[in-house]
mmCIF file of all heavy atoms, coordinates in Angstrom:
data_MODEL
# 
_entry.id   MODEL 
# 
loop_
_atom_site.group_PDB 
_atom_site.id 
_atom_site.type_symbol 
_atom_site.label_atom_id 
_atom_site.label_alt_id 
_atom_site.label_comp_id 
_atom_site.label_asym_id 
_atom_site.label_entity_id 
_atom_site.label_seq_id 
_atom_site.pdbx_PDB_ins_code 
_atom_site.Cartn_x 
_atom_site.Cartn_y 
_atom_site.Cartn_z 
_atom_site.occupancy 
_atom_site.B_iso_or_equiv 
_atom_site.pdbx_formal_charge 
_atom_site.auth_seq_id 
_atom_site.auth_comp_id 
_atom_site.auth_asym_id 
_atom_site.auth_atom_id 
_atom_site.pdbx_PDB_model_num 
ATOM 1   N N   . CYS A 1 1  ? 16.504 -55.950 -25.992 1.00 0.00 ? 1  CYS A N   1 
ATOM 2   C CA  . CYS A 1 1  ? 15.116 -55.534 -26.247 1.00 0.00 ? 1  CYS A CA  1 
ATOM 3   C C   . CYS A 1 1  ? 14.817 -54.089 -25.879 1.00 0.00 ? 1  CYS A C   1 
ATOM 4   O O   . CYS A 1 1  ? 13.696 -53.626 -26.078 1.00 0.00 ? 1  CYS A O   1 
ATOM 5   C CB  . CYS A 1 1  ? 14.154 -56.451 -25.478 1.00 0.00 ? 1  CYS A CB  1 
ATOM 6   S SG  . CYS A 1 1  ? 14.268 -58.186 -25.943 1.00 0.00 ? 1  CYS A SG  1 
ATOM 7   N N   . LYS A 1 2  ? 15.807 -53.367 -25.322 1.00 0.00 ? 2  LYS A N   1 
ATOM 8   C CA  . LYS A 1 2  ? 15.515 -52.024 -24.824 1.00 0.00 ? 2  LYS A CA  1 
ATOM 9   C C   . LYS A 1 2  ? 16.543 -50.990 -25.268 1.00 0.00 ? 2  LYS A C   1 
ATOM 10  O O   . LYS A 1 2  ? 17.736 -51.275 -25.329 1.00 0.00 ? 2  LYS A O   1 
ATOM 11  C CB  . LYS A 1 2  ? 15.468 -52.029 -23.280 1.00 0.00 ? 2  LYS A CB  1 
ATOM 12  C CG  . LYS A 1 2  ? 14.253 -52.722 -22.696 1.00 0.00 ? 2  LYS A CG  1 
ATOM 13  C CD  . LYS A 1 2  ? 12.979 -51.930 -22.965 1.00 0.00 ? 2  LYS A CD  1 
ATOM 14  C CE  . LYS A 1 2  ? 11.757 -52.583 -22.353 1.00 0.00 ? 2  LYS A CE  1 
ATOM 15  N NZ  . LYS A 1 2  ? 10.522 -51.824 -22.670 1.00 0.00 ? 2  LYS A NZ  1 
ATOM 16  N N   . VAL A 1 3  ? 16.072 -49.786 -25.542 1.00 0.00 ? 3  VAL A N   1 
ATOM 17  C CA  . VAL A 1 3  ? 16.959 -48.657 -25.770 1.00 0.00 ? 3  VAL A CA  1 
ATOM 18  C C   . VAL A 1 3  ? 17.395 -48.106 -24.413 1.00 0.00 ? 3  VAL A C   1 
ATOM 19  O O   . VAL A 1 3  ? 16.838 -48.475 -23.377 1.00 0.00 ? 3  VAL A O   1 
ATOM 20  C CB  . VAL A 1 3  ? 16.267 -47.560 -26.601 1.00 0.00 ? 3  VAL A CB  1 
ATOM 21  C CG1 . VAL A 1 3  ? 15.802 -48.104 -27.933 1.00 0.00 ? 3  VAL A CG1 1 
ATOM 22  C CG2 . VAL A 1 3  ? 15.104 -46.936 -25.831 1.00 0.00 ? 3  VAL A CG2 1 
ATOM 23  N N   . CYS A 1 4  ? 18.390 -47.220 -24.422 1.00 0.00 ? 4  CYS A N   1 
ATOM 24  C CA  . CYS A 1 4  ? 18.897 -46.619 -23.181 1.00 0.00 ? 4  CYS A CA  1 
ATOM 25  C C   . CYS A 1 4  ? 18.601 -45.118 -23.172 1.00 0.00 ? 4  CYS A C   1 
ATOM 26  O O   . CYS A 1 4  ? 19.004 -44.416 -24.104 1.00 0.00 ? 4  CYS A O   1 
ATOM 27  C CB  . CYS A 1 4  ? 20.404 -46.815 -23.058 1.00 0.00 ? 4  CYS A CB  1 
ATOM 28  S SG  . CYS A 1 4  ? 20.951 -48.517 -23.019 1.00 0.00 ? 4  CYS A SG  1 
ATOM 29  N N   . ILE A 1 5  ? 17.940 -44.654 -22.135 1.00 0.00 ? 5  ILE A N   1 
ATOM 30  C CA  . ILE A 1 5  ? 17.704 -43.215 -21.967 1.00 0.00 ? 5  ILE A CA  1 
ATOM 31  C C   . ILE A 1 5  ? 18.845 -42.687 -21.106 1.00 0.00 ? 5  ILE A C   1 
ATOM 32  O O   . ILE A 1 5  ? 18.884 -42.904 -19.896 1.00 0.00 ? 5  ILE A O   1 
ATOM 33  C CB  . ILE A 1 5  ? 16.341 -42.935 -21.305 1.00 0.00 ? 5  ILE A CB  1 
ATOM 34  C CG1 . ILE A 1 5  ? 15.235 -43.756 -21.967 1.00 0.00 ? 5  ILE A CG1 1 
ATOM 35  C CG2 . ILE A 1 5  ? 16.049 -41.430 -21.356 1.00 0.00 ? 5  ILE A CG2 1 
ATOM 36  C CD1 . ILE A 1 5  ? 15.093 -43.531 -23.446 1.00 0.00 ? 5  ILE A CD1 1 
ATOM 37  N N   . LEU A 1 6  ? 19.798 -41.986 -21.724 1.00 0.00 ? 6  LEU A N   1 
ATOM 38  C CA  . LEU A 1 6  ? 20.995 -41.551 -21.011 1.00 0.00 ? 6  LEU A CA  1 
ATOM 39  C C   . LEU A 1 6  ? 20.876 -40.137 -20.453 1.00 0.00 ? 6  LEU A C   1 
ATOM 40  O O   . LEU A 1 6  ? 21.650 -39.751 -19.589 1.00 0.00 ? 6  LEU A O   1 
ATOM 41  C CB  . LEU A 1 6  ? 22.212 -41.645 -21.928 1.00 0.00 ? 6  LEU A CB  1 
ATOM 42  C CG  . LEU A 1 6  ? 22.576 -43.064 -22.373 1.00 0.00 ? 6  LEU A CG  1 
ATOM 43  C CD1 . LEU A 1 6  ? 23.822 -43.042 -23.237 1.00 0.00 ? 6  LEU A CD1 1 
ATOM 44  C CD2 . LEU A 1 6  ? 22.789 -43.971 -21.179 1.00 0.00 ? 6  LEU A CD2 1 
ATOM 45  N N   . LYS A 1 7  ? 19.928 -39.381 -20.974 1.00 0.00 ? 7  LYS A N   1 
ATOM 46  C CA  . LYS A 1 7  ? 19.744 -38.016 -20.487 1.00 0.00 ? 7  LYS A CA  1 
ATOM 47  C C   . LYS A 1 7  ? 18.305 -37.604 -20.738 1.00 0.00 ? 7  LYS A C   1 
ATOM 48  O O   . LYS A 1 7  ? 17.777 -37.837 -21.819 1.00 0.00 ? 7  LYS A O   1 
ATOM 49  C CB  . LYS A 1 7  ? 20.702 -37.059 -21.200 1.00 0.00 ? 7  LYS A CB  1 
ATOM 50  C CG  . LYS A 1 7  ? 20.730 -35.644 -20.649 1.00 0.00 ? 7  LYS A CG  1 
ATOM 51  C CD  . LYS A 1 7  ? 21.758 -34.795 -21.387 1.00 0.00 ? 7  LYS A CD  1 
ATOM 52  C CE  . LYS A 1 7  ? 21.812 -33.390 -20.831 1.00 0.00 ? 7  LYS A CE  1 
ATOM 53  N NZ  . LYS A 1 7  ? 20.486 -32.697 -20.921 1.00 0.00 ? 7  LYS A NZ  1 
ATOM 54  N N   . GLU A 1 8  ? 17.677 -37.033 -19.741 1.00 0.00 ? 8  GLU A N   1 
ATOM 55  C CA  . GLU A 1 8  ? 16.313 -36.533 -19.895 1.00 0.00 ? 8  GLU A CA  1 
ATOM 56  C C   . GLU A 1 8  ? 16.349 -35.102 -20.420 1.00 0.00 ? 8  GLU A C   1 
ATOM 57  O O   . GLU A 1 8  ? 17.298 -34.349 -20.176 1.00 0.00 ? 8  GLU A O   1 
ATOM 58  C CB  . GLU A 1 8  ? 15.577 -36.578 -18.549 1.00 0.00 ? 8  GLU A CB  1 
ATOM 59  C CG  . GLU A 1 8  ? 15.358 -37.982 -18.000 1.00 0.00 ? 8  GLU A CG  1 
ATOM 60  C CD  . GLU A 1 8  ? 14.338 -38.783 -18.786 1.00 0.00 ? 8  GLU A CD  1 
ATOM 61  O OE1 . GLU A 1 8  ? 13.661 -38.212 -19.675 1.00 0.00 ? 8  GLU A OE1 1 
ATOM 62  O OE2 . GLU A 1 8  ? 14.212 -39.997 -18.526 1.00 0.00 ? 8  GLU A OE2 1 
ATOM 63  N N   . GLY A 1 9  ? 15.316 -34.723 -21.152 1.00 0.00 ? 9  GLY A N   1 
ATOM 64  C CA  . GLY A 1 9  ? 15.232 -33.366 -21.674 1.00 0.00 ? 9  GLY A CA  1 
ATOM 65  C C   . GLY A 1 9  ? 13.850 -33.100 -22.238 1.00 0.00 ? 9  GLY A C   1 
ATOM 66  O O   . GLY A 1 9  ? 13.092 -34.034 -22.501 1.00 0.00 ? 9  GLY A O   1 
ATOM 67  N N   . LYS A 1 10 ? 13.539 -31.829 -22.467 1.00 0.00 ? 10 LYS A N   1 
ATOM 68  C CA  . LYS A 1 10 ? 12.185 -31.484 -22.915 1.00 0.00 ? 10 LYS A CA  1 
ATOM 69  C C   . LYS A 1 10 ? 12.149 -30.770 -24.275 1.00 0.00 ? 10 LYS A C   1 
ATOM 70  O O   . LYS A 1 10 ? 11.094 -30.669 -24.893 1.00 0.00 ? 10 LYS A O   1 
ATOM 71  C CB  . LYS A 1 10 ? 11.483 -30.618 -21.863 1.00 0.00 ? 10 LYS A CB  1 
ATOM 72  C CG  . LYS A 1 10 ? 12.134 -29.274 -21.588 1.00 0.00 ? 10 LYS A CG  1 
ATOM 73  C CD  . LYS A 1 10 ? 11.360 -28.514 -20.528 1.00 0.00 ? 10 LYS A CD  1 
ATOM 74  C CE  . LYS A 1 10 ? 11.870 -27.099 -20.320 1.00 0.00 ? 10 LYS A CE  1 
ATOM 75  N NZ  . LYS A 1 10 ? 13.296 -27.005 -19.972 1.00 0.00 ? 10 LYS A NZ  1 
ATOM 76  N N   . ASP A 1 11 ? 13.295 -30.279 -24.764 1.00 0.00 ? 11 ASP A N   1 
ATOM 77  C CA  . ASP A 1 11 ? 13.298 -29.536 -26.026 1.00 0.00 ? 11 ASP A CA  1 
ATOM 78  C C   . ASP A 1 11 ? 13.323 -30.440 -27.252 1.00 0.00 ? 11 ASP A C   1 
ATOM 79  O O   . ASP A 1 11 ? 12.709 -30.124 -28.278 1.00 0.00 ? 11 ASP A O   1 
ATOM 80  C CB  . ASP A 1 11 ? 14.501 -28.592 -26.095 1.00 0.00 ? 11 ASP A CB  1 
ATOM 81  C CG  . ASP A 1 11 ? 14.348 -27.400 -25.173 1.00 0.00 ? 11 ASP A CG  1 
ATOM 82  O OD1 . ASP A 1 11 ? 13.197 -26.995 -24.913 1.00 0.00 ? 11 ASP A OD1 1 
ATOM 83  O OD2 . ASP A 1 11 ? 15.372 -26.876 -24.699 1.00 0.00 ? 11 ASP A OD2 1 
ATOM 84  N N   . ALA A 1 12 ? 14.066 -31.548 -27.172 1.00 0.00 ? 12 ALA A N   1 
ATOM 85  C CA  . ALA A 1 12 ? 14.207 -32.445 -28.316 1.00 0.00 ? 12 ALA A CA  1 
ATOM 86  C C   . ALA A 1 12 ? 14.713 -33.797 -27.848 1.00 0.00 ? 12 ALA A C   1 
ATOM 87  O O   . ALA A 1 12 ? 15.405 -33.903 -26.828 1.00 0.00 ? 12 ALA A O   1 
ATOM 88  C CB  . ALA A 1 12 ? 15.170 -31.856 -29.340 1.00 0.00 ? 12 ALA A CB  1 
ATOM 89  N N   . SER A 1 13 ? 14.354 -34.831 -28.605 1.00 0.00 ? 13 SER A N   1 
ATOM 90  C CA  . SER A 1 13 ? 14.892 -36.171 -28.384 1.00 0.00 ? 13 SER A CA  1 
ATOM 91  C C   . SER A 1 13 ? 15.949 -36.429 -29.449 1.00 0.00 ? 13 SER A C   1 
ATOM 92  O O   . SER A 1 13 ? 15.650 -36.407 -30.641 1.00 0.00 ? 13 SER A O   1 
ATOM 93  C CB  . SER A 1 13 ? 13.787 -37.227 -28.496 1.00 0.00 ? 13 SER A CB  1 
ATOM 94  O OG  . SER A 1 13 ? 12.785 -37.043 -27.528 1.00 0.00 ? 13 SER A OG  1 
ATOM 95  N N   . VAL A 1 14 ? 17.183 -36.655 -29.025 1.00 0.00 ? 14 VAL A N   1 
ATOM 96  C CA  . VAL A 1 14 ? 18.255 -36.973 -29.958 1.00 0.00 ? 14 VAL A CA  1 
ATOM 97  C C   . VAL A 1 14 ? 18.540 -38.467 -29.857 1.00 0.00 ? 14 VAL A C   1 
ATOM 98  O O   . VAL A 1 14 ? 18.871 -38.979 -28.790 1.00 0.00 ? 14 VAL A O   1 
ATOM 99  C CB  . VAL A 1 14 ? 19.527 -36.159 -29.671 1.00 0.00 ? 14 VAL A CB  1 
ATOM 100 C CG1 . VAL A 1 14 ? 20.628 -36.527 -30.670 1.00 0.00 ? 14 VAL A CG1 1 
ATOM 101 C CG2 . VAL A 1 14 ? 19.226 -34.665 -29.746 1.00 0.00 ? 14 VAL A CG2 1 
ATOM 102 N N   . ILE A 1 15 ? 18.401 -39.157 -30.978 1.00 0.00 ? 15 ILE A N   1 
ATOM 103 C CA  . ILE A 1 15 ? 18.515 -40.613 -31.024 1.00 0.00 ? 15 ILE A CA  1 
ATOM 104 C C   . ILE A 1 15 ? 19.767 -40.973 -31.799 1.00 0.00 ? 15 ILE A C   1 
ATOM 105 O O   . ILE A 1 15 ? 19.963 -40.527 -32.936 1.00 0.00 ? 15 ILE A O   1 
ATOM 106 C CB  . ILE A 1 15 ? 17.266 -41.238 -31.676 1.00 0.00 ? 15 ILE A CB  1 
ATOM 107 C CG1 . ILE A 1 15 ? 16.016 -40.838 -30.882 1.00 0.00 ? 15 ILE A CG1 1 
ATOM 108 C CG2 . ILE A 1 15 ? 17.390 -42.746 -31.773 1.00 0.00 ? 15 ILE A CG2 1 
ATOM 109 C CD1 . ILE A 1 15 ? 14.706 -41.313 -31.497 1.00 0.00 ? 15 ILE A CD1 1 
ATOM 110 N N   . THR A 1 16 ? 20.627 -41.793 -31.213 1.00 0.00 ? 16 THR A N   1 
ATOM 111 C CA  . THR A 1 16 ? 21.910 -42.102 -31.826 1.00 0.00 ? 16 THR A CA  1 
ATOM 112 C C   . THR A 1 16 ? 22.417 -43.456 -31.343 1.00 0.00 ? 16 THR A C   1 
ATOM 113 O O   . THR A 1 16 ? 21.761 -44.148 -30.560 1.00 0.00 ? 16 THR A O   1 
ATOM 114 C CB  . THR A 1 16 ? 22.925 -40.977 -31.515 1.00 0.00 ? 16 THR A CB  1 
ATOM 115 O OG1 . THR A 1 16 ? 24.125 -41.195 -32.261 1.00 0.00 ? 16 THR A OG1 1 
ATOM 116 C CG2 . THR A 1 16 ? 23.245 -40.919 -30.026 1.00 0.00 ? 16 THR A CG2 1 
ATOM 117 N N   . ASN A 1 17 ? 23.606 -43.837 -31.805 1.00 0.00 ? 17 ASN A N   1 
ATOM 118 C CA  . ASN A 1 17 ? 24.282 -45.057 -31.334 1.00 0.00 ? 17 ASN A CA  1 
ATOM 119 C C   . ASN A 1 17 ? 25.733 -45.024 -31.801 1.00 0.00 ? 17 ASN A C   1 
ATOM 120 O O   . ASN A 1 17 ? 26.176 -44.075 -32.445 1.00 0.00 ? 17 ASN A O   1 
ATOM 121 C CB  . ASN A 1 17 ? 23.562 -46.325 -31.820 1.00 0.00 ? 17 ASN A CB  1 
ATOM 122 C CG  . ASN A 1 17 ? 23.488 -46.441 -33.332 1.00 0.00 ? 17 ASN A CG  1 
ATOM 123 O OD1 . ASN A 1 17 ? 24.234 -45.796 -34.065 1.00 0.00 ? 17 ASN A OD1 1 
ATOM 124 N ND2 . ASN A 1 17 ? 22.576 -47.262 -33.814 1.00 0.00 ? 17 ASN A ND2 1 
ATOM 125 N N   . GLY A 1 18 ? 26.493 -46.068 -31.473 1.00 0.00 ? 18 GLY A N   1 
ATOM 126 C CA  . GLY A 1 18 ? 27.878 -46.157 -31.927 1.00 0.00 ? 18 GLY A CA  1 
ATOM 127 C C   . GLY A 1 18 ? 28.734 -44.990 -31.480 1.00 0.00 ? 18 GLY A C   1 
ATOM 128 O O   . GLY A 1 18 ? 28.509 -44.383 -30.428 1.00 0.00 ? 18 GLY A O   1 
ATOM 129 N N   . GLU A 1 19 ? 29.721 -44.648 -32.310 1.00 0.00 ? 19 GLU A N   1 
ATOM 130 C CA  . GLU A 1 19 ? 30.678 -43.587 -31.974 1.00 0.00 ? 19 GLU A CA  1 
ATOM 131 C C   . GLU A 1 19 ? 30.031 -42.236 -31.715 1.00 0.00 ? 19 GLU A C   1 
ATOM 132 O O   . GLU A 1 19 ? 30.534 -41.444 -30.914 1.00 0.00 ? 19 GLU A O   1 
ATOM 133 C CB  . GLU A 1 19 ? 31.674 -43.407 -33.121 1.00 0.00 ? 19 GLU A CB  1 
ATOM 134 C CG  . GLU A 1 19 ? 32.619 -44.553 -33.347 1.00 0.00 ? 19 GLU A CG  1 
ATOM 135 C CD  . GLU A 1 19 ? 33.352 -44.365 -34.658 1.00 0.00 ? 19 GLU A CD  1 
ATOM 136 O OE1 . GLU A 1 19 ? 32.756 -44.683 -35.702 1.00 0.00 ? 19 GLU A OE1 1 
ATOM 137 O OE2 . GLU A 1 19 ? 34.501 -43.902 -34.624 1.00 0.00 ? 19 GLU A OE2 1 
ATOM 138 N N   . THR A 1 20 ? 28.946 -41.954 -32.391 1.00 0.00 ? 20 THR A N   1 
ATOM 139 C CA  . THR A 1 20 ? 28.357 -40.621 -32.277 1.00 0.00 ? 20 THR A CA  1 
ATOM 140 C C   . THR A 1 20 ? 27.639 -40.397 -30.952 1.00 0.00 ? 20 THR A C   1 
ATOM 141 O O   . THR A 1 20 ? 27.293 -39.262 -30.626 1.00 0.00 ? 20 THR A O   1 
ATOM 142 C CB  . THR A 1 20 ? 27.388 -40.337 -33.441 1.00 0.00 ? 20 THR A CB  1 
ATOM 143 O OG1 . THR A 1 20 ? 26.460 -41.422 -33.575 1.00 0.00 ? 20 THR A OG1 1 
ATOM 144 C CG2 . THR A 1 20 ? 28.159 -40.175 -34.746 1.00 0.00 ? 20 THR A CG2 1 
ATOM 145 N N   . LEU A 1 21 ? 27.422 -41.455 -30.170 1.00 0.00 ? 21 LEU A N   1 
ATOM 146 C CA  . LEU A 1 21 ? 26.778 -41.268 -28.869 1.00 0.00 ? 21 LEU A CA  1 
ATOM 147 C C   . LEU A 1 21 ? 27.599 -40.341 -27.983 1.00 0.00 ? 21 LEU A C   1 
ATOM 148 O O   . LEU A 1 21 ? 27.062 -39.425 -27.346 1.00 0.00 ? 21 LEU A O   1 
ATOM 149 C CB  . LEU A 1 21 ? 26.550 -42.617 -28.176 1.00 0.00 ? 21 LEU A CB  1 
ATOM 150 C CG  . LEU A 1 21 ? 25.971 -42.539 -26.757 1.00 0.00 ? 21 LEU A CG  1 
ATOM 151 C CD1 . LEU A 1 21 ? 24.632 -41.811 -26.738 1.00 0.00 ? 21 LEU A CD1 1 
ATOM 152 C CD2 . LEU A 1 21 ? 25.827 -43.932 -26.158 1.00 0.00 ? 21 LEU A CD2 1 
ATOM 153 N N   . ALA A 1 22 ? 28.905 -40.546 -27.927 1.00 0.00 ? 22 ALA A N   1 
ATOM 154 C CA  . ALA A 1 22 ? 29.762 -39.694 -27.096 1.00 0.00 ? 22 ALA A CA  1 
ATOM 155 C C   . ALA A 1 22 ? 29.714 -38.245 -27.584 1.00 0.00 ? 22 ALA A C   1 
ATOM 156 O O   . ALA A 1 22 ? 29.646 -37.309 -26.768 1.00 0.00 ? 22 ALA A O   1 
ATOM 157 C CB  . ALA A 1 22 ? 31.199 -40.203 -27.125 1.00 0.00 ? 22 ALA A CB  1 
ATOM 158 N N   . GLU A 1 23 ? 29.724 -38.058 -28.901 1.00 0.00 ? 23 GLU A N   1 
ATOM 159 C CA  . GLU A 1 23 ? 29.676 -36.704 -29.459 1.00 0.00 ? 23 GLU A CA  1 
ATOM 160 C C   . GLU A 1 23 ? 28.359 -36.014 -29.108 1.00 0.00 ? 23 GLU A C   1 
ATOM 161 O O   . GLU A 1 23 ? 28.330 -34.819 -28.779 1.00 0.00 ? 23 GLU A O   1 
ATOM 162 C CB  . GLU A 1 23 ? 29.859 -36.755 -30.978 1.00 0.00 ? 23 GLU A CB  1 
ATOM 163 C CG  . GLU A 1 23 ? 31.125 -37.447 -31.451 1.00 0.00 ? 23 GLU A CG  1 
ATOM 164 C CD  . GLU A 1 23 ? 32.398 -36.755 -31.020 1.00 0.00 ? 23 GLU A CD  1 
ATOM 165 O OE1 . GLU A 1 23 ? 32.389 -35.507 -30.892 1.00 0.00 ? 23 GLU A OE1 1 
ATOM 166 O OE2 . GLU A 1 23 ? 33.410 -37.453 -30.809 1.00 0.00 ? 23 GLU A OE2 1 
ATOM 167 N N   . VAL A 1 24 ? 27.268 -36.761 -29.168 1.00 0.00 ? 24 VAL A N   1 
ATOM 168 C CA  . VAL A 1 24 ? 25.951 -36.206 -28.835 1.00 0.00 ? 24 VAL A CA  1 
ATOM 169 C C   . VAL A 1 24 ? 25.891 -35.825 -27.357 1.00 0.00 ? 24 VAL A C   1 
ATOM 170 O O   . VAL A 1 24 ? 25.383 -34.760 -26.997 1.00 0.00 ? 24 VAL A O   1 
ATOM 171 C CB  . VAL A 1 24 ? 24.836 -37.217 -29.176 1.00 0.00 ? 24 VAL A CB  1 
ATOM 172 C CG1 . VAL A 1 24 ? 23.512 -36.808 -28.519 1.00 0.00 ? 24 VAL A CG1 1 
ATOM 173 C CG2 . VAL A 1 24 ? 24.660 -37.323 -30.684 1.00 0.00 ? 24 VAL A CG2 1 
ATOM 174 N N   . LEU A 1 25 ? 26.408 -36.671 -26.487 1.00 0.00 ? 25 LEU A N   1 
ATOM 175 C CA  . LEU A 1 25 ? 26.369 -36.387 -25.054 1.00 0.00 ? 25 LEU A CA  1 
ATOM 176 C C   . LEU A 1 25 ? 27.168 -35.130 -24.706 1.00 0.00 ? 25 LEU A C   1 
ATOM 177 O O   . LEU A 1 25 ? 26.744 -34.316 -23.879 1.00 0.00 ? 25 LEU A O   1 
ATOM 178 C CB  . LEU A 1 25 ? 26.908 -37.590 -24.268 1.00 0.00 ? 25 LEU A CB  1 
ATOM 179 C CG  . LEU A 1 25 ? 25.972 -38.796 -24.186 1.00 0.00 ? 25 LEU A CG  1 
ATOM 180 C CD1 . LEU A 1 25 ? 26.710 -40.015 -23.649 1.00 0.00 ? 25 LEU A CD1 1 
ATOM 181 C CD2 . LEU A 1 25 ? 24.756 -38.492 -23.319 1.00 0.00 ? 25 LEU A CD2 1 
ATOM 182 N N   . ILE A 1 26 ? 28.321 -34.957 -25.349 1.00 0.00 ? 26 ILE A N   1 
ATOM 183 C CA  . ILE A 1 26 ? 29.129 -33.760 -25.111 1.00 0.00 ? 26 ILE A CA  1 
ATOM 184 C C   . ILE A 1 26 ? 28.392 -32.515 -25.616 1.00 0.00 ? 26 ILE A C   1 
ATOM 185 O O   . ILE A 1 26 ? 28.332 -31.488 -24.926 1.00 0.00 ? 26 ILE A O   1 
ATOM 186 C CB  . ILE A 1 26 ? 30.505 -33.893 -25.802 1.00 0.00 ? 26 ILE A CB  1 
ATOM 187 C CG1 . ILE A 1 26 ? 31.320 -35.000 -25.134 1.00 0.00 ? 26 ILE A CG1 1 
ATOM 188 C CG2 . ILE A 1 26 ? 31.262 -32.572 -25.760 1.00 0.00 ? 26 ILE A CG2 1 
ATOM 189 C CD1 . ILE A 1 26 ? 32.571 -35.390 -25.909 1.00 0.00 ? 26 ILE A CD1 1 
# 
């Protein structure tokens, strides 16, 4: 029932899942 907030930030919210999550975090 919940999404995961893995990193806080103020410039933009990047929303992803699956394989691309690791790429986004890097």
